[in-house]
Each structure stands twice: as structure tokens, then as C-alpha cells.
Protein backbone atom coordinates (compact mmCIF):
# COMPACT_ATOMS: atom_id res chain seq x y z
CA MET A 1 208.31 4.61 280.52
CA PRO A 2 208.31 8.36 280.92
CA LEU A 3 210.39 10.38 278.32
CA ASP A 4 213.46 12.23 279.48
CA GLN A 5 212.63 15.80 278.53
CA GLU A 6 216.11 17.05 279.24
CA ALA A 7 217.58 14.48 276.89
CA LEU A 8 215.18 15.49 274.12
CA GLU A 9 216.00 19.16 274.54
CA SER A 10 219.68 18.40 274.21
CA LEU A 11 219.02 16.88 270.77
CA ARG A 12 217.20 20.01 269.39
CA ARG A 13 219.35 22.16 266.92
CA THR A 14 220.22 25.45 268.46
CA PRO A 15 219.89 28.49 266.12
CA VAL A 16 223.11 30.30 265.46
CA ALA A 17 224.05 33.48 263.56
CA GLY A 18 223.00 33.25 259.95
CA ALA A 19 220.57 30.41 260.74
CA ALA A 20 217.60 32.49 259.55
CA LYS A 21 219.23 32.91 256.08
CA TYR A 22 219.76 29.16 255.93
CA VAL A 23 216.13 28.42 256.73
CA ARG A 24 214.64 30.88 254.14
CA GLY A 25 216.99 29.79 251.26
CA PRO A 26 214.82 27.09 249.58
CA GLY A 27 211.79 29.33 249.09
CA LYS A 28 213.68 32.18 247.41
CA ARG A 29 215.49 29.79 245.07
CA ARG A 30 212.20 28.38 243.90
CA ARG A 31 211.00 31.87 243.03
CA TRP A 32 214.11 32.52 240.93
CA LEU A 33 213.65 29.23 239.08
CA VAL A 34 210.03 30.05 238.26
CA ALA A 35 210.99 33.52 237.03
CA GLY A 36 213.75 32.06 234.85
CA ALA A 37 211.35 29.51 233.36
CA ILE A 38 208.88 32.27 232.53
CA VAL A 39 211.61 34.33 230.82
CA VAL A 40 212.70 31.32 228.78
CA ALA A 41 209.12 30.56 227.77
CA LEU A 42 208.55 34.16 226.71
CA ALA A 43 211.78 34.09 224.71
CA VAL A 44 210.71 30.91 222.95
CA VAL A 45 207.32 32.40 222.16
CA ALA A 46 208.94 35.60 220.93
CA TRP A 47 211.36 33.62 218.75
CA ARG A 48 208.50 31.67 217.28
CA ILE A 49 206.58 34.83 216.58
CA VAL A 50 209.45 36.98 215.35
CA GLY A 51 212.31 34.72 214.25
CA ALA A 52 210.65 31.57 212.88
CA PRO A 53 209.83 31.58 209.15
CA VAL A 54 206.20 32.48 208.57
CA PRO A 55 204.40 30.01 206.30
CA VAL A 56 202.91 31.90 203.32
CA SER A 57 201.56 31.22 199.85
CA THR A 58 202.66 33.31 196.87
CA VAL A 59 201.52 34.19 193.37
CA LEU A 60 203.54 35.54 190.48
CA VAL A 61 202.83 38.91 189.00
CA GLU A 62 201.55 38.25 185.47
CA ALA A 63 203.94 39.77 182.95
CA PRO A 64 202.45 42.21 180.42
CA ALA A 65 201.67 40.77 177.00
CA ASP A 66 202.56 43.88 174.96
CA ALA A 67 198.94 44.95 174.60
CA ASP A 68 198.01 41.55 173.13
CA GLY A 69 196.53 38.51 174.77
CA ALA A 70 196.64 34.95 173.52
CA VAL A 71 193.19 33.61 172.73
CA LEU A 72 194.35 30.19 171.55
CA ASN A 73 197.45 28.01 171.54
CA ALA A 74 198.21 25.36 168.93
CA SER A 75 201.09 23.32 167.54
CA GLY A 76 202.01 22.35 164.01
CA TYR A 77 204.86 22.19 161.52
CA VAL A 78 206.79 24.38 159.13
CA VAL A 79 205.89 23.40 155.55
CA ALA A 80 206.91 24.53 152.08
CA ARG A 81 204.07 25.26 149.69
CA ARG A 82 206.35 24.65 146.68
CA LEU A 83 208.15 21.33 146.94
CA ALA A 84 208.80 19.04 143.97
CA THR A 85 210.40 15.68 143.34
CA VAL A 86 212.27 16.20 140.07
CA SER A 87 212.25 13.41 137.49
CA SER A 88 212.82 13.07 133.75
CA LYS A 89 210.18 13.24 131.00
CA VAL A 90 211.54 10.07 129.42
CA THR A 91 213.05 6.83 130.57
CA GLY A 92 216.83 6.76 130.34
CA ARG A 93 220.11 6.00 132.00
CA ILE A 94 221.68 8.76 134.07
CA ALA A 95 225.00 9.86 132.59
CA GLU A 96 225.84 12.76 134.92
CA VAL A 97 224.53 14.30 138.15
CA LEU A 98 225.40 17.98 138.60
CA PHE A 99 224.22 18.79 142.15
CA GLU A 100 224.63 17.89 145.81
CA GLU A 101 222.26 18.07 148.76
CA GLY A 102 221.88 21.56 150.18
CA ALA A 103 222.80 23.28 146.93
CA ALA A 104 220.84 26.35 145.86
CA VAL A 105 219.60 26.15 142.26
CA GLU A 106 217.97 28.54 139.83
CA ALA A 107 214.89 27.91 137.74
CA GLY A 108 215.85 25.94 134.60
CA GLN A 109 219.28 24.97 135.91
CA VAL A 110 220.45 21.56 134.65
CA LEU A 111 220.54 19.03 137.47
CA ALA A 112 221.42 15.86 135.55
CA ARG A 113 221.97 14.49 132.04
CA LEU A 114 220.72 11.22 130.62
CA ASP A 115 222.54 9.13 128.03
CA ASP A 116 221.81 10.84 124.68
CA ALA A 117 223.59 8.57 122.14
CA THR A 118 220.42 7.29 120.46
CA ALA A 119 218.57 10.59 120.66
CA ARG A 120 221.50 12.45 119.16
CA ALA A 121 221.66 10.00 116.21
CA ASP A 122 217.94 10.44 115.58
CA HIS A 123 218.37 14.18 115.68
CA GLU A 124 221.16 13.96 113.10
CA VAL A 125 218.92 11.96 110.74
CA ALA A 126 216.13 14.52 111.13
CA ARG A 127 218.54 17.36 110.52
CA ARG A 128 219.84 15.72 107.33
CA SER A 129 216.31 15.07 106.12
CA LEU A 130 215.47 18.72 106.59
CA GLU A 131 218.56 19.70 104.65
CA ALA A 132 217.62 17.36 101.74
CA ALA A 133 214.08 18.72 101.64
CA ARG A 134 215.39 22.22 101.40
CA TYR A 135 217.64 21.26 98.45
CA SER A 136 214.69 19.66 96.65
CA LEU A 137 212.65 22.79 97.24
CA ARG A 138 215.41 24.93 95.82
CA GLU A 139 215.65 22.73 92.71
CA ILE A 140 211.95 23.06 92.00
CA GLU A 141 212.12 26.80 92.51
CA VAL A 142 214.86 27.04 89.85
CA ARG A 143 212.97 24.84 87.37
CA LEU A 144 209.76 26.80 87.97
CA GLU A 145 211.54 30.06 87.28
CA ASP A 146 212.87 28.68 83.97
CA ALA A 147 209.40 27.32 83.01
CA ARG A 148 207.85 30.71 83.61
CA LYS A 149 210.40 32.35 81.30
CA THR A 150 209.66 29.75 78.60
CA LEU A 151 205.93 30.38 78.99
CA PHE A 152 206.48 34.12 78.56
CA ARG A 153 208.47 33.57 75.34
CA ASN A 154 205.98 31.08 73.85
CA ARG A 155 203.10 33.45 74.57
CA SER A 156 204.95 36.16 72.61
CA LEU A 157 205.63 33.79 69.73
CA VAL A 158 202.02 32.66 69.54
CA GLU A 159 200.89 36.26 69.35
CA ARG A 160 203.16 36.71 66.32
CA ALA A 161 202.01 33.33 64.89
CA LEU A 162 205.53 31.96 64.95
CA VAL A 163 204.61 28.82 67.00
CA SER A 164 201.44 26.81 67.39
CA GLN A 165 199.00 27.07 70.27
CA SER A 166 199.98 23.60 71.47
CA VAL A 167 203.45 24.81 72.36
CA LEU A 168 201.94 27.54 74.57
CA ASP A 169 199.61 25.03 76.20
CA ALA A 170 202.54 22.72 77.01
CA SER A 171 204.46 25.58 78.61
CA THR A 172 201.45 26.57 80.69
CA ALA A 173 201.01 23.01 81.93
CA GLU A 174 204.71 22.78 82.80
CA VAL A 175 204.50 25.91 84.95
CA ALA A 176 201.37 24.67 86.74
CA ALA A 177 202.99 21.29 87.46
CA LEU A 178 206.12 22.89 88.84
CA GLU A 179 204.09 25.22 91.05
CA ALA A 180 202.29 22.19 92.52
CA ARG A 181 205.59 20.39 93.07
CA LEU A 182 206.94 23.54 94.72
CA ALA A 183 204.04 23.57 97.16
CA ALA A 184 204.59 19.88 97.93
CA ALA A 185 208.31 20.44 98.44
CA GLY A 186 207.52 23.32 100.78
CA ALA A 187 205.28 21.01 102.78
CA ASP A 188 208.04 18.40 102.89
CA VAL A 189 210.40 21.01 104.23
CA ASN A 190 207.91 21.91 106.99
CA VAL A 191 207.51 18.24 107.92
CA ALA A 192 211.28 17.77 108.02
CA ARG A 193 211.61 20.92 110.13
CA ALA A 194 209.00 19.63 112.58
CA ARG A 195 210.77 16.27 112.78
CA ALA A 196 214.02 18.04 113.52
CA ALA A 197 212.29 20.07 116.27
CA VAL A 198 210.90 16.87 117.78
CA SER A 199 214.31 15.26 117.77
CA GLN A 200 215.80 18.40 119.34
CA GLN A 201 213.12 18.30 122.03
CA ALA A 202 213.97 14.66 122.66
CA LEU A 203 217.56 15.73 123.22
CA ASP A 204 216.44 18.52 125.57
CA ASP A 205 214.28 16.06 127.51
CA LEU A 206 217.45 14.19 128.42
CA LEU A 207 218.50 17.27 130.41
CA ILE A 208 216.76 17.27 133.80
CA ARG A 209 216.25 20.85 134.97
CA ALA A 210 215.11 22.53 138.17
CA PRO A 211 211.43 23.55 137.89
CA PHE A 212 211.91 26.63 140.09
CA ALA A 213 214.51 28.34 142.19
CA GLY A 214 215.11 26.66 145.51
CA VAL A 215 217.30 24.34 147.54
CA ILE A 216 218.04 20.65 146.95
CA ILE A 217 217.05 18.75 150.10
CA SER A 218 217.57 15.20 148.82
CA LYS A 219 219.66 13.45 146.17
CA ASP A 220 217.88 10.28 145.08
CA ALA A 221 219.89 8.93 142.11
CA GLN A 222 223.44 8.36 140.96
CA PRO A 223 225.11 8.09 137.52
CA GLY A 224 224.47 4.73 135.90
CA GLU A 225 220.99 4.28 137.35
CA THR A 226 217.86 4.29 135.22
CA VAL A 227 215.26 6.97 135.81
CA SER A 228 211.69 7.01 134.54
CA PRO A 229 208.67 9.29 134.93
CA ILE A 230 206.61 6.23 135.90
CA SER A 231 207.34 3.33 138.19
CA ALA A 232 208.84 0.52 136.13
CA GLY A 233 211.33 -2.25 136.56
CA GLY A 234 210.63 -2.87 140.25
CA GLY A 235 213.22 -1.35 142.56
CA PHE A 236 215.85 -0.92 139.85
CA THR A 237 214.27 2.15 138.24
CA ARG A 238 214.26 5.56 139.93
CA THR A 239 211.21 7.77 139.61
CA GLY A 240 213.01 10.90 140.80
CA ILE A 241 216.52 12.19 141.15
CA ALA A 242 216.09 15.08 143.58
CA THR A 243 213.66 17.02 145.78
CA VAL A 244 213.66 20.80 145.41
CA VAL A 245 212.12 23.16 147.96
CA ASP A 246 211.26 26.79 147.34
CA MET A 247 212.47 28.30 150.62
CA ASP A 248 210.49 31.47 149.96
CA SER A 249 207.27 29.46 150.26
CA ARG A 250 207.81 28.37 153.87
CA GLU A 251 204.81 28.78 156.15
CA ILE A 252 203.12 27.14 159.14
CA GLU A 253 200.30 24.64 159.14
CA VAL A 254 198.43 23.90 162.36
CA ASP A 255 195.32 21.88 163.13
CA VAL A 256 192.90 23.78 165.36
CA ASN A 257 190.13 22.02 167.25
CA GLU A 258 186.89 22.86 165.53
CA ALA A 259 185.39 23.91 168.87
CA TYR A 260 187.85 26.87 169.00
CA ILE A 261 188.09 27.79 165.33
CA ASN A 262 185.83 30.78 166.01
CA ARG A 263 188.79 32.38 167.80
CA VAL A 264 190.83 32.46 164.57
CA SER A 265 190.37 34.95 161.75
CA ASP A 266 192.15 35.97 158.55
CA GLU A 267 195.14 38.30 159.00
CA GLN A 268 195.11 37.63 162.77
CA ARG A 269 198.48 38.20 164.40
CA VAL A 270 200.32 35.12 165.62
CA GLU A 271 203.37 34.54 167.79
CA ALA A 272 205.31 31.42 166.78
CA VAL A 273 208.05 29.58 168.70
CA LEU A 274 210.12 26.86 167.06
CA ASP A 275 210.81 23.77 169.16
CA ALA A 276 214.47 24.10 168.16
CA TYR A 277 214.67 27.74 169.39
CA PRO A 278 212.33 28.05 172.40
CA ASP A 279 213.53 31.55 173.30
CA TRP A 280 212.95 33.00 169.82
CA LYS A 281 209.50 34.47 169.20
CA VAL A 282 208.74 34.74 165.51
CA PRO A 283 205.98 37.16 164.42
CA ALA A 284 203.49 35.73 161.94
CA ARG A 285 199.93 36.16 160.69
CA VAL A 286 197.07 33.97 159.53
CA ILE A 287 196.92 33.49 155.76
CA SER A 288 193.73 31.51 155.52
CA ILE A 289 191.49 28.99 157.22
CA VAL A 290 191.10 25.93 154.99
CA PRO A 291 187.30 25.66 154.49
CA THR A 292 186.93 22.01 155.49
CA ALA A 293 187.18 19.98 158.66
CA ASP A 294 188.83 16.65 159.37
CA ARG A 295 186.03 14.33 160.44
CA GLN A 296 188.37 11.89 162.16
CA LYS A 297 190.30 14.45 164.23
CA ALA A 298 187.60 17.14 164.49
CA THR A 299 190.12 19.79 163.47
CA VAL A 300 190.38 22.57 160.90
CA ARG A 301 193.65 23.38 159.16
CA VAL A 302 194.99 26.93 159.44
CA ARG A 303 197.75 28.36 157.25
CA ILE A 304 200.08 30.93 158.84
CA ALA A 305 202.70 33.09 157.11
CA PHE A 306 205.94 34.30 158.67
CA GLU A 307 206.32 38.07 158.76
CA GLN A 308 209.99 37.61 157.86
CA LEU A 309 211.76 34.44 156.76
CA ASP A 310 214.99 33.32 158.41
CA PRO A 311 217.53 30.66 157.39
CA ARG A 312 217.02 28.92 160.74
CA ILE A 313 213.42 28.10 159.83
CA LEU A 314 213.53 24.73 158.08
CA PRO A 315 210.72 22.66 156.53
CA ASP A 316 209.13 20.01 158.78
CA MET A 317 210.33 21.69 162.00
CA GLY A 318 207.93 21.47 164.93
CA ILE A 319 206.46 24.81 166.01
CA LYS A 320 204.02 26.19 168.58
CA VAL A 321 201.84 29.20 167.90
CA ARG A 322 199.79 31.66 169.96
CA PHE A 323 196.88 33.38 168.26
CA LEU A 324 196.81 36.92 169.62
CA GLU A 325 193.86 39.16 170.32
CA GLU A 326 194.27 42.82 169.52
CA ARG A 327 193.52 45.13 172.43
CA ALA A 328 193.06 48.88 172.46
CA ALA A 329 196.28 50.04 174.06
CA THR A 330 195.96 53.39 175.84
CA GLY A 331 199.48 53.34 177.24
CA PRO A 332 202.41 51.06 178.02
CA ALA A 333 201.57 47.44 178.86
CA THR A 334 201.13 46.81 182.61
CA PRO A 335 201.43 43.66 184.74
CA ARG A 336 198.46 42.05 186.48
CA LEU A 337 198.14 40.57 189.97
CA ALA A 338 195.70 38.39 191.89
CA SER A 339 193.38 40.58 193.99
CA GLY A 340 193.97 38.46 197.13
CA ALA A 341 197.57 39.66 197.33
CA VAL A 342 196.67 43.33 197.81
CA VAL A 343 196.73 44.79 201.33
CA ARG A 344 194.50 47.82 201.91
CA ASP A 345 194.78 49.71 205.22
CA ASP A 346 195.15 53.21 206.60
CA SER A 347 198.67 53.53 205.14
CA GLY A 348 197.41 52.89 201.61
CA THR A 349 197.58 50.04 199.14
CA SER A 350 200.55 47.68 199.29
CA VAL A 351 201.72 44.12 198.75
CA TRP A 352 204.24 41.80 200.39
CA VAL A 353 207.00 40.95 197.92
CA VAL A 354 209.14 37.85 198.55
CA ARG A 355 212.83 38.26 197.83
CA ASP A 356 215.64 35.91 198.93
CA GLY A 357 213.39 34.14 201.45
CA LYS A 358 212.24 37.37 203.13
CA VAL A 359 209.36 39.74 202.62
CA GLU A 360 209.26 43.44 202.11
CA ARG A 361 206.20 45.63 202.07
CA ARG A 362 205.89 47.70 198.93
CA ALA A 363 203.38 50.39 198.08
CA VAL A 364 201.65 49.94 194.73
CA LYS A 365 199.30 51.90 192.51
CA LEU A 366 196.45 49.84 191.11
CA GLY A 367 194.24 50.13 188.08
CA ASP A 368 191.09 48.29 187.04
CA GLU A 369 190.06 45.00 188.64
CA GLN A 370 188.42 42.24 186.65
CA GLY A 371 188.05 38.49 186.97
CA GLY A 372 189.91 38.26 190.30
CA GLU A 373 192.90 40.16 188.93
CA VAL A 374 193.95 43.75 189.26
CA THR A 375 196.17 45.85 187.01
CA VAL A 376 199.34 47.15 188.70
CA LEU A 377 200.18 50.59 187.38
CA GLU A 378 203.22 51.24 189.58
CA GLY A 379 205.37 49.35 192.08
CA LEU A 380 205.69 45.85 190.58
CA GLN A 381 207.24 44.11 187.64
CA GLY A 382 206.14 40.99 185.85
CA GLY A 383 207.47 37.75 187.35
CA GLU A 384 207.87 38.94 190.96
CA ALA A 385 206.52 36.69 193.75
CA VAL A 386 203.88 38.28 195.98
CA VAL A 387 202.29 36.86 199.14
CA VAL A 388 198.63 36.05 198.74
CA ASP A 389 196.30 36.36 201.77
CA PRO A 390 199.17 37.61 204.00
CA PRO A 391 198.85 36.80 207.75
CA GLN A 392 198.47 39.64 210.25
CA ARG A 393 201.76 38.86 212.01
CA LEU A 394 203.81 39.36 208.85
CA ARG A 395 206.46 42.03 209.35
CA ASP A 396 208.87 43.79 206.99
CA GLY A 397 212.05 41.72 206.64
CA ALA A 398 210.54 38.58 208.19
CA ALA A 399 211.67 35.22 206.90
CA VAL A 400 208.97 33.21 205.16
CA ASP A 401 208.42 29.57 204.36
CA LEU A 402 206.83 29.21 200.94
CA GLN A 403 203.98 26.74 201.02
CA ALA A 404 203.07 24.62 198.00
CA GLU A 405 199.63 25.46 196.66
């Protein structure tokens, strides 16, 4: 069947005014969409380059060590070289205790008294015996004096033939006998005096005294208990009443591994830090290296003296020490920095310093470089964070994301 051409022509859309704009519309819109997408993509890329935090790694500027470097670290304890557990010289019952823990005492100060009833009675007997011996001595002295006068008279009478020779001989013998008795009486007096001194010493031994000036750190007995210089009577007899510490003898003892003992020397400077006061650095120095090693622990004991004692330093406190190496200081101490953090270009020498999550470029003046570290003469302070191996796209003021090393 042949097609009706006139009918087909009547169905064709007839162009009108503005029809050309309607036909070209889809192509132009696509171009605008593509251009917008490109702008958005460039903005995203720019934001990633400029606005996103740049991942970086940092190192800390090593703080100066005041012209000294630590060659060895060790730990130990505060000890007192003079520490004594005070006891009595004799066994006895405690009558009185005259101190409390923490009290300061002087050398020879009485700390306690033992029951002295028996000792005092013995001393009274000895004193009376000494007194009697002295009276006997005095009696013999008087009799000897009279015998000597009689001898002198009889000798005169014999010379004048008024008495016989036998009378003179008797007088001479009497004087000799009395002189011997006088010597014996003198010896008796000395014995009695010695016995009295012994009894007095026994009384003194009942007074327990401080052996040296110090501080009482423990009270180990009470009135009514028995104390003895030796262990006796099981757990009912005390062997000491107190422990006295000479606080002026405080020092440090540390055990140093024998493999590193060559780093320690006499009079070497030491920096000590008590565990109780971690922010307090106490200056000290090596007193001596004990000339023997512990076979079991493979260590050598080192004694260290405090430069100045302080009431806060107590015996048996834990302490850490740093043995310092003396360096020739030509000027003020300077910080050190890892060499990889330094940027060298046409503008000079600089580093990227991280502060509050952002970086800033800072010019620095460097000194000698050794062992992967460089001395910073100007521009940095110890403890500041510096970017190591900074990326090329890093810019001043850019935000950074610190990466864990």
C-alpha cells in the first residue's frame, strides 16, 4: 500500500521562533556540567594539597646537659654509714625509757635505766670496805710514828749506856713490823678502792647511753622488759632497746654492672634523684669503688656522697643516679638536633618547628655535627618538636598530622 506523503508531511514539527535555541540547549548544558565537575575536582585536589593535614614525623630537640653528659645510669639506696642498735652491757630489767622515736640525741646521752637495787647495794658494801681499809691504814700510820719516836729515844739511851742493847733491838723490830703492816694496809686500801670502782662501773653499766649523736629511728623495748647483750630467754629477752642513726653519715650505695665499672672513677660528679622527689636533682660525687665484685650478681658496689645533706633525704630511700662526664665547656650549653631535620637550600639553613598542630619554618645557626646529630647554636630551644625528613609540599602554617615512629 503506497504511503500518503501529504499525511506524513502534516505530522512533521514545524520550526517556530526560538526553535533553534531549543534544539541547541542539551549540548551547551553538558559543557557547563563538565566544566563544573572539573572545577570541583580541582578544588578537592587543592584542598587535599593545601588544607589537609600533612603527615610528618618529628624529633625533639635534645636539651643541653649543662656541659656534662651522663655516661652511666644506676639505681640504689640511701644508707647511713653509722647506724647502731643500742643495748646494755649487762642483763637487767628496764626501769625507765627516756626517749621516743624520731628524737635527736647527743653522744653519751642516757636513753634508759635498768633496775639498780642489787648493784647499788654492792656498791655500798664496796664503799664501806674502802672506808674501813683507810681507817686501818691511818691506825698503822699513827702506831708507826710512835714506834719511830721510841726507837729514837732508845738509841739515845743506849749511847749513854742507860738501857741495854736488847731494848734498842726490840724498838727497831717494832718499827720494821709496823712499816710492813703499813704497806699491807696501803695495798688493802688500793684493793678496796678498785672494788669500789668496779661496783661504780656496774652502776654506770645500768645506764644505757647513746654511742654517738644521731636520731632514734626505732624504739624496741619498754619498761619492765628484760634486756641482755646476748640472746637469752627465747623471745622474752630484748637484745636492744633502740636504733640510732648518725644522719651526718648518709650516703648512696649503688651496684654497678661490672661491664660498665670502667666508666666510674673516684671523685666523679654524680646527679642523684630520689624516687620520692623526682623533680629534685641532688648533686653528689663518688667516694670510692669497693674493690670487690659480687659473683652472683656480677656487680661492683660504689659509694657516693651527697654534696650537701638535706632533711628530706632519709635512710633506705630509693634513689637513681647519673654518673656525669666532664666536658671542656667553651661557652654556654647548647641543644642538639637530629641531622635529618635540617633543611638546607638557597635561603639558608632552617627547620620546620611544630607548634599547636601547625608548622613554622625557622632559620637556625648550626655548629658541629657528629654521630647523626648537629649542635644548634641559635634558633631552637631544648624540648621543641621538629619535623624530620620534611616533605617538599610542606608550607609555613600548614596543619600537620604527627605520625608515630
